[in-house]
Full PDB file with SEQRES, HELIX, SHEET, SSBOND, CRYST1, ORIGX, SCALE, CONECT and MASTER records, all heavy atoms in Angstrom:
SEQRES   1 A   30  THR GLU LEU ALA ALA ASP GLY MET THR MET LEU VAL VAL          
SEQRES   2 A   30  THR HIS GLU MET GLY PHE ALA ARG GLN ALA ALA ASP ARG          
SEQRES   3 A   30  VAL VAL PHE MET                                              
HELIX    1 AA1 GLU A    2  ALA A    5  1                                   4    
HELIX    2 AA2 MET A   17  ALA A   23  1                                   7    
CRYST1    1.000    1.000    1.000  90.00  90.00  90.00 P 1           1          
ORIGX1      1.000000  0.000000  0.000000        0.00000                         
ORIGX2      0.000000  1.000000  0.000000        0.00000                         
ORIGX3      0.000000  0.000000  1.000000        0.00000                         
SCALE1      1.000000  0.000000  0.000000        0.00000                         
SCALE2      0.000000  1.000000  0.000000        0.00000                         
SCALE3      0.000000  0.000000  1.000000        0.00000                         
ATOM      1  N   THR A   1      -5.522 -14.083  21.120  1.00  0.00           N  
ATOM      2  CA  THR A   1      -6.237 -15.219  21.708  1.00  0.00           C  
ATOM      3  C   THR A   1      -6.864 -16.077  20.617  1.00  0.00           C  
ATOM      4  O   THR A   1      -6.842 -17.318  20.693  1.00  0.00           O  
ATOM      5  CB  THR A   1      -7.316 -14.718  22.687  1.00  0.00           C  
ATOM      6  OG1 THR A   1      -6.684 -13.939  23.705  1.00  0.00           O  
ATOM      7  CG2 THR A   1      -8.044 -15.880  23.344  1.00  0.00           C  
ATOM      8  N   GLU A   2      -7.404 -15.435  19.576  1.00  0.00           N  
ATOM      9  CA  GLU A   2      -7.973 -16.185  18.457  1.00  0.00           C  
ATOM     10  C   GLU A   2      -6.894 -16.982  17.717  1.00  0.00           C  
ATOM     11  O   GLU A   2      -7.116 -18.132  17.317  1.00  0.00           O  
ATOM     12  CB  GLU A   2      -8.678 -15.235  17.493  1.00  0.00           C  
ATOM     13  CG  GLU A   2      -9.978 -14.661  18.033  1.00  0.00           C  
ATOM     14  CD  GLU A   2     -10.549 -13.571  17.131  1.00  0.00           C  
ATOM     15  OE1 GLU A   2     -10.099 -13.469  15.964  1.00  0.00           O  
ATOM     16  OE2 GLU A   2     -11.433 -12.833  17.599  1.00  0.00           O  
ATOM     17  N   LEU A   3      -5.727 -16.373  17.530  1.00  0.00           N  
ATOM     18  CA  LEU A   3      -4.624 -17.087  16.880  1.00  0.00           C  
ATOM     19  C   LEU A   3      -4.227 -18.308  17.700  1.00  0.00           C  
ATOM     20  O   LEU A   3      -3.973 -19.389  17.152  1.00  0.00           O  
ATOM     21  CB  LEU A   3      -3.413 -16.159  16.717  1.00  0.00           C  
ATOM     22  CG  LEU A   3      -3.546 -15.020  15.721  1.00  0.00           C  
ATOM     23  CD1 LEU A   3      -2.305 -14.132  15.773  1.00  0.00           C  
ATOM     24  CD2 LEU A   3      -3.742 -15.556  14.308  1.00  0.00           C  
ATOM     25  N   ALA A   4      -4.153 -18.142  19.018  1.00  0.00           N  
ATOM     26  CA  ALA A   4      -3.813 -19.262  19.896  1.00  0.00           C  
ATOM     27  C   ALA A   4      -4.840 -20.374  19.760  1.00  0.00           C  
ATOM     28  O   ALA A   4      -4.492 -21.567  19.659  1.00  0.00           O  
ATOM     29  CB  ALA A   4      -3.725 -18.783  21.346  1.00  0.00           C  
ATOM     30  N   ALA A   5      -6.126 -20.005  19.742  1.00  0.00           N  
ATOM     31  CA  ALA A   5      -7.198 -20.999  19.619  1.00  0.00           C  
ATOM     32  C   ALA A   5      -7.147 -21.716  18.269  1.00  0.00           C  
ATOM     33  O   ALA A   5      -7.547 -22.880  18.161  1.00  0.00           O  
ATOM     34  CB  ALA A   5      -8.551 -20.321  19.807  1.00  0.00           C  
ATOM     35  N   ASP A   6      -6.618 -21.025  17.247  1.00  0.00           N  
ATOM     36  CA  ASP A   6      -6.511 -21.625  15.909  1.00  0.00           C  
ATOM     37  C   ASP A   6      -5.287 -22.527  15.761  1.00  0.00           C  
ATOM     38  O   ASP A   6      -5.067 -23.094  14.693  1.00  0.00           O  
ATOM     39  CB  ASP A   6      -6.458 -20.527  14.841  1.00  0.00           C  
ATOM     40  CG  ASP A   6      -7.793 -19.819  14.666  1.00  0.00           C  
ATOM     41  OD1 ASP A   6      -8.813 -20.360  15.147  1.00  0.00           O  
ATOM     42  OD2 ASP A   6      -7.823 -18.721  14.067  1.00  0.00           O  
ATOM     43  N   GLY A   7      -4.469 -22.616  16.817  1.00  0.00           N  
ATOM     44  CA  GLY A   7      -3.334 -23.534  16.767  1.00  0.00           C  
ATOM     45  C   GLY A   7      -2.017 -22.931  16.327  1.00  0.00           C  
ATOM     46  O   GLY A   7      -1.066 -23.668  16.046  1.00  0.00           O  
ATOM     47  N   MET A   8      -1.917 -21.591  16.272  1.00  0.00           N  
ATOM     48  CA  MET A   8      -0.651 -20.962  15.921  1.00  0.00           C  
ATOM     49  C   MET A   8       0.362 -21.177  17.037  1.00  0.00           C  
ATOM     50  O   MET A   8       0.042 -21.022  18.209  1.00  0.00           O  
ATOM     51  CB  MET A   8      -0.866 -19.455  15.702  1.00  0.00           C  
ATOM     52  CG  MET A   8       0.409 -18.654  15.470  1.00  0.00           C  
ATOM     53  SD  MET A   8       1.332 -19.156  13.987  1.00  0.00           S  
ATOM     54  CE  MET A   8       0.241 -18.505  12.700  1.00  0.00           C  
ATOM     55  N   THR A   9       1.575 -21.563  16.671  1.00  0.00           N  
ATOM     56  CA  THR A   9       2.647 -21.707  17.654  1.00  0.00           C  
ATOM     57  C   THR A   9       3.165 -20.318  18.002  1.00  0.00           C  
ATOM     58  O   THR A   9       3.546 -19.551  17.123  1.00  0.00           O  
ATOM     59  CB  THR A   9       3.792 -22.558  17.082  1.00  0.00           C  
ATOM     60  OG1 THR A   9       3.248 -23.771  16.547  1.00  0.00           O  
ATOM     61  CG2 THR A   9       4.798 -22.917  18.173  1.00  0.00           C  
ATOM     62  N   MET A  10       3.164 -19.989  19.307  1.00  0.00           N  
ATOM     63  CA  MET A  10       3.468 -18.628  19.721  1.00  0.00           C  
ATOM     64  C   MET A  10       4.372 -18.619  20.941  1.00  0.00           C  
ATOM     65  O   MET A  10       4.174 -19.389  21.877  1.00  0.00           O  
ATOM     66  CB  MET A  10       2.157 -17.878  20.048  1.00  0.00           C  
ATOM     67  CG  MET A  10       1.242 -17.712  18.854  1.00  0.00           C  
ATOM     68  SD  MET A  10      -0.514 -17.359  19.285  1.00  0.00           S  
ATOM     69  CE  MET A  10      -0.354 -15.817  20.172  1.00  0.00           C  
ATOM     70  N   LEU A  11       5.363 -17.737  20.902  1.00  0.00           N  
ATOM     71  CA  LEU A  11       6.188 -17.411  22.065  1.00  0.00           C  
ATOM     72  C   LEU A  11       5.911 -15.948  22.374  1.00  0.00           C  
ATOM     73  O   LEU A  11       6.198 -15.071  21.554  1.00  0.00           O  
ATOM     74  CB  LEU A  11       7.671 -17.646  21.768  1.00  0.00           C  
ATOM     75  CG  LEU A  11       8.638 -17.397  22.939  1.00  0.00           C  
ATOM     76  CD1 LEU A  11       8.439 -18.443  24.037  1.00  0.00           C  
ATOM     77  CD2 LEU A  11      10.089 -17.433  22.457  1.00  0.00           C  
ATOM     78  N   VAL A  12       5.331 -15.682  23.535  1.00  0.00           N  
ATOM     79  CA  VAL A  12       4.784 -14.361  23.838  1.00  0.00           C  
ATOM     80  C   VAL A  12       5.429 -13.795  25.097  1.00  0.00           C  
ATOM     81  O   VAL A  12       5.308 -14.384  26.179  1.00  0.00           O  
ATOM     82  CB  VAL A  12       3.253 -14.426  24.033  1.00  0.00           C  
ATOM     83  CG1 VAL A  12       2.691 -13.024  24.272  1.00  0.00           C  
ATOM     84  CG2 VAL A  12       2.576 -15.084  22.839  1.00  0.00           C  
ATOM     85  N   VAL A  13       6.115 -12.670  24.949  1.00  0.00           N  
ATOM     86  CA  VAL A  13       6.623 -11.909  26.094  1.00  0.00           C  
ATOM     87  C   VAL A  13       5.590 -10.835  26.403  1.00  0.00           C  
ATOM     88  O   VAL A  13       5.269 -10.015  25.534  1.00  0.00           O  
ATOM     89  CB  VAL A  13       7.983 -11.267  25.769  1.00  0.00           C  
ATOM     90  CG1 VAL A  13       8.417 -10.328  26.896  1.00  0.00           C  
ATOM     91  CG2 VAL A  13       9.037 -12.341  25.539  1.00  0.00           C  
ATOM     92  N   THR A  14       5.039 -10.847  27.607  1.00  0.00           N  
ATOM     93  CA  THR A  14       3.972  -9.905  27.920  1.00  0.00           C  
ATOM     94  C   THR A  14       3.857  -9.687  29.419  1.00  0.00           C  
ATOM     95  O   THR A  14       4.309 -10.504  30.219  1.00  0.00           O  
ATOM     96  CB  THR A  14       2.623 -10.413  27.365  1.00  0.00           C  
ATOM     97  OG1 THR A  14       1.615  -9.416  27.578  1.00  0.00           O  
ATOM     98  CG2 THR A  14       2.183 -11.705  28.040  1.00  0.00           C  
ATOM     99  N   HIS A  15       3.240  -8.561  29.773  1.00  0.00           N  
ATOM    100  CA  HIS A  15       2.860  -8.299  31.159  1.00  0.00           C  
ATOM    101  C   HIS A  15       1.360  -8.498  31.352  1.00  0.00           C  
ATOM    102  O   HIS A  15       0.850  -8.227  32.444  1.00  0.00           O  
ATOM    103  CB  HIS A  15       3.227  -6.861  31.549  1.00  0.00           C  
ATOM    104  CG  HIS A  15       4.699  -6.660  31.767  1.00  0.00           C  
ATOM    105  ND1 HIS A  15       5.407  -7.307  32.758  1.00  0.00           N  
ATOM    106  CD2 HIS A  15       5.598  -5.888  31.109  1.00  0.00           C  
ATOM    107  CE1 HIS A  15       6.664  -6.932  32.707  1.00  0.00           C  
ATOM    108  NE2 HIS A  15       6.816  -6.079  31.704  1.00  0.00           N  
ATOM    109  N   GLU A  16       0.676  -8.959  30.311  1.00  0.00           N  
ATOM    110  CA  GLU A  16      -0.779  -9.118  30.390  1.00  0.00           C  
ATOM    111  C   GLU A  16      -1.114 -10.462  31.027  1.00  0.00           C  
ATOM    112  O   GLU A  16      -1.119 -11.503  30.379  1.00  0.00           O  
ATOM    113  CB  GLU A  16      -1.400  -9.000  28.993  1.00  0.00           C  
ATOM    114  CG  GLU A  16      -1.189  -7.659  28.317  1.00  0.00           C  
ATOM    115  CD  GLU A  16      -1.845  -6.523  29.083  1.00  0.00           C  
ATOM    116  OE1 GLU A  16      -2.855  -6.767  29.785  1.00  0.00           O  
ATOM    117  OE2 GLU A  16      -1.339  -5.386  28.991  1.00  0.00           O  
ATOM    118  N   MET A  17      -1.413 -10.426  32.320  1.00  0.00           N  
ATOM    119  CA  MET A  17      -1.657 -11.661  33.061  1.00  0.00           C  
ATOM    120  C   MET A  17      -2.933 -12.364  32.604  1.00  0.00           C  
ATOM    121  O   MET A  17      -3.014 -13.581  32.614  1.00  0.00           O  
ATOM    122  CB  MET A  17      -1.742 -11.368  34.564  1.00  0.00           C  
ATOM    123  CG  MET A  17      -0.466 -10.786  35.162  1.00  0.00           C  
ATOM    124  SD  MET A  17       0.971 -11.871  34.995  1.00  0.00           S  
ATOM    125  CE  MET A  17       1.966 -10.893  33.876  1.00  0.00           C  
ATOM    126  N   GLY A  18      -3.932 -11.564  32.187  1.00  0.00           N  
ATOM    127  CA  GLY A  18      -5.173 -12.175  31.721  1.00  0.00           C  
ATOM    128  C   GLY A  18      -4.944 -13.032  30.489  1.00  0.00           C  
ATOM    129  O   GLY A  18      -5.496 -14.136  30.377  1.00  0.00           O  
ATOM    130  N   PHE A  19      -4.110 -12.545  29.570  1.00  0.00           N  
ATOM    131  CA  PHE A  19      -3.791 -13.335  28.376  1.00  0.00           C  
ATOM    132  C   PHE A  19      -3.041 -14.599  28.767  1.00  0.00           C  
ATOM    133  O   PHE A  19      -3.328 -15.684  28.249  1.00  0.00           O  
ATOM    134  CB  PHE A  19      -2.954 -12.511  27.392  1.00  0.00           C  
ATOM    135  CG  PHE A  19      -2.508 -13.296  26.190  1.00  0.00           C  
ATOM    136  CD1 PHE A  19      -3.363 -13.500  25.123  1.00  0.00           C  
ATOM    137  CD2 PHE A  19      -1.238 -13.862  26.146  1.00  0.00           C  
ATOM    138  CE1 PHE A  19      -2.971 -14.243  24.021  1.00  0.00           C  
ATOM    139  CE2 PHE A  19      -0.831 -14.603  25.050  1.00  0.00           C  
ATOM    140  CZ  PHE A  19      -1.707 -14.790  23.982  1.00  0.00           C  
ATOM    141  N   ALA A  20      -2.089 -14.476  29.687  1.00  0.00           N  
ATOM    142  CA  ALA A  20      -1.325 -15.641  30.122  1.00  0.00           C  
ATOM    143  C   ALA A  20      -2.244 -16.689  30.732  1.00  0.00           C  
ATOM    144  O   ALA A  20      -2.119 -17.895  30.453  1.00  0.00           O  
ATOM    145  CB  ALA A  20      -0.252 -15.226  31.124  1.00  0.00           C  
ATOM    146  N   ARG A  21      -3.177 -16.264  31.550  1.00  0.00           N  
ATOM    147  CA  ARG A  21      -4.123 -17.205  32.174  1.00  0.00           C  
ATOM    148  C   ARG A  21      -4.989 -17.899  31.133  1.00  0.00           C  
ATOM    149  O   ARG A  21      -5.249 -19.094  31.214  1.00  0.00           O  
ATOM    150  CB  ARG A  21      -5.052 -16.452  33.132  1.00  0.00           C  
ATOM    151  CG  ARG A  21      -4.460 -16.018  34.455  1.00  0.00           C  
ATOM    152  CD  ARG A  21      -5.560 -15.291  35.221  1.00  0.00           C  
ATOM    153  NE  ARG A  21      -5.108 -14.639  36.429  1.00  0.00           N  
ATOM    154  CZ  ARG A  21      -5.112 -15.197  37.635  1.00  0.00           C  
ATOM    155  NH1 ARG A  21      -5.509 -16.444  37.794  1.00  0.00           N  
ATOM    156  NH2 ARG A  21      -4.711 -14.511  38.692  1.00  0.00           N  
ATOM    157  N   GLN A  22      -5.451 -17.113  30.159  1.00  0.00           N  
ATOM    158  CA  GLN A  22      -6.463 -17.602  29.220  1.00  0.00           C  
ATOM    159  C   GLN A  22      -5.877 -18.415  28.070  1.00  0.00           C  
ATOM    160  O   GLN A  22      -6.450 -19.430  27.666  1.00  0.00           O  
ATOM    161  CB  GLN A  22      -7.248 -16.410  28.655  1.00  0.00           C  
ATOM    162  CG  GLN A  22      -8.347 -16.784  27.680  1.00  0.00           C  
ATOM    163  CD  GLN A  22      -9.081 -15.559  27.149  1.00  0.00           C  
ATOM    164  OE1 GLN A  22      -8.789 -14.421  27.531  1.00  0.00           O  
ATOM    165  NE2 GLN A  22     -10.041 -15.773  26.261  1.00  0.00           N  
ATOM    166  N   ALA A  23      -4.749 -17.965  27.525  1.00  0.00           N  
ATOM    167  CA  ALA A  23      -4.288 -18.509  26.248  1.00  0.00           C  
ATOM    168  C   ALA A  23      -3.041 -19.387  26.344  1.00  0.00           C  
ATOM    169  O   ALA A  23      -2.764 -20.161  25.430  1.00  0.00           O  
ATOM    170  CB  ALA A  23      -4.021 -17.370  25.266  1.00  0.00           C  
ATOM    171  N   ALA A  24      -2.268 -19.267  27.439  1.00  0.00           N  
ATOM    172  CA  ALA A  24      -0.994 -19.992  27.500  1.00  0.00           C  
ATOM    173  C   ALA A  24      -1.201 -21.483  27.762  1.00  0.00           C  
ATOM    174  O   ALA A  24      -2.072 -21.871  28.544  1.00  0.00           O  
ATOM    175  CB  ALA A  24      -0.110 -19.402  28.595  1.00  0.00           C  
ATOM    176  N   ASP A  25      -0.390 -22.289  27.089  1.00  0.00           N  
ATOM    177  CA  ASP A  25      -0.273 -23.698  27.470  1.00  0.00           C  
ATOM    178  C   ASP A  25       0.725 -23.850  28.601  1.00  0.00           C  
ATOM    179  O   ASP A  25       0.544 -24.678  29.496  1.00  0.00           O  
ATOM    180  CB  ASP A  25       0.177 -24.535  26.260  1.00  0.00           C  
ATOM    181  CG  ASP A  25      -0.872 -24.549  25.165  1.00  0.00           C  
ATOM    182  OD1 ASP A  25      -2.004 -25.011  25.442  1.00  0.00           O  
ATOM    183  OD2 ASP A  25      -0.584 -24.081  24.056  1.00  0.00           O  
ATOM    184  N   ARG A  26       1.781 -23.035  28.540  1.00  0.00           N  
ATOM    185  CA  ARG A  26       2.776 -23.026  29.624  1.00  0.00           C  
ATOM    186  C   ARG A  26       3.213 -21.599  29.889  1.00  0.00           C  
ATOM    187  O   ARG A  26       3.233 -20.759  28.983  1.00  0.00           O  
ATOM    188  CB  ARG A  26       4.010 -23.859  29.241  1.00  0.00           C  
ATOM    189  CG  ARG A  26       3.795 -25.362  29.299  1.00  0.00           C  
ATOM    190  CD  ARG A  26       5.105 -26.111  29.079  1.00  0.00           C  
ATOM    191  NE  ARG A  26       5.646 -25.853  27.758  1.00  0.00           N  
ATOM    192  CZ  ARG A  26       6.935 -25.960  27.441  1.00  0.00           C  
ATOM    193  NH1 ARG A  26       7.830 -26.285  28.365  1.00  0.00           N  
ATOM    194  NH2 ARG A  26       7.341 -25.730  26.206  1.00  0.00           N  
ATOM    195  N   VAL A  27       3.563 -21.351  31.133  1.00  0.00           N  
ATOM    196  CA  VAL A  27       4.119 -20.071  31.548  1.00  0.00           C  
ATOM    197  C   VAL A  27       5.584 -20.286  31.917  1.00  0.00           C  
ATOM    198  O   VAL A  27       5.913 -21.205  32.672  1.00  0.00           O  
ATOM    199  CB  VAL A  27       3.347 -19.491  32.749  1.00  0.00           C  
ATOM    200  CG1 VAL A  27       4.093 -18.308  33.342  1.00  0.00           C  
ATOM    201  CG2 VAL A  27       1.947 -19.069  32.328  1.00  0.00           C  
ATOM    202  N   VAL A  28       6.448 -19.450  31.349  1.00  0.00           N  
ATOM    203  CA  VAL A  28       7.875 -19.465  31.683  1.00  0.00           C  
ATOM    204  C   VAL A  28       8.155 -18.197  32.481  1.00  0.00           C  
ATOM    205  O   VAL A  28       7.909 -17.090  31.998  1.00  0.00           O  
ATOM    206  CB  VAL A  28       8.738 -19.493  30.403  1.00  0.00           C  
ATOM    207  CG1 VAL A  28      10.218 -19.325  30.745  1.00  0.00           C  
ATOM    208  CG2 VAL A  28       8.515 -20.784  29.631  1.00  0.00           C  
ATOM    209  N   PHE A  29       8.655 -18.364  33.688  1.00  0.00           N  
ATOM    210  CA  PHE A  29       9.013 -17.203  34.506  1.00  0.00           C  
ATOM    211  C   PHE A  29      10.519 -17.058  34.521  1.00  0.00           C  
ATOM    212  O   PHE A  29      11.253 -17.978  34.888  1.00  0.00           O  
ATOM    213  CB  PHE A  29       8.491 -17.355  35.940  1.00  0.00           C  
ATOM    214  CG  PHE A  29       8.948 -16.253  36.859  1.00  0.00           C  
ATOM    215  CD1 PHE A  29       8.526 -14.940  36.658  1.00  0.00           C  
ATOM    216  CD2 PHE A  29       9.838 -16.508  37.889  1.00  0.00           C  
ATOM    217  CE1 PHE A  29       8.966 -13.913  37.481  1.00  0.00           C  
ATOM    218  CE2 PHE A  29      10.285 -15.489  38.721  1.00  0.00           C  
ATOM    219  CZ  PHE A  29       9.840 -14.189  38.522  1.00  0.00           C  
ATOM    220  N   MET A  30      10.995 -15.875  34.055  1.00  0.00           N  
ATOM    221  CA  MET A  30      12.428 -15.616  33.992  1.00  0.00           C  
ATOM    222  C   MET A  30      12.856 -14.644  35.081  1.00  0.00           C  
ATOM    223  O   MET A  30      12.110 -13.735  35.456  1.00  0.00           O  
ATOM    224  CB  MET A  30      12.817 -15.061  32.614  1.00  0.00           C  
ATOM    225  CG  MET A  30      12.676 -16.064  31.495  1.00  0.00           C  
ATOM    226  SD  MET A  30      13.425 -15.490  29.935  1.00  0.00           S  
ATOM    227  CE  MET A  30      15.173 -15.511  30.368  1.00  0.00           C  
TER     228      MET A  30                                                      
MASTER        0    0    0    2    0    0    0    6  227    1    0    3          
END                                                                             
């Protein structure tokens, strides 16, 4: 979350919904 706030470009595969809510700019559902 700190890396995201610092502007790091990230592609994240995860099951952690809290992180997706808090840190994602976009959610991709596959």
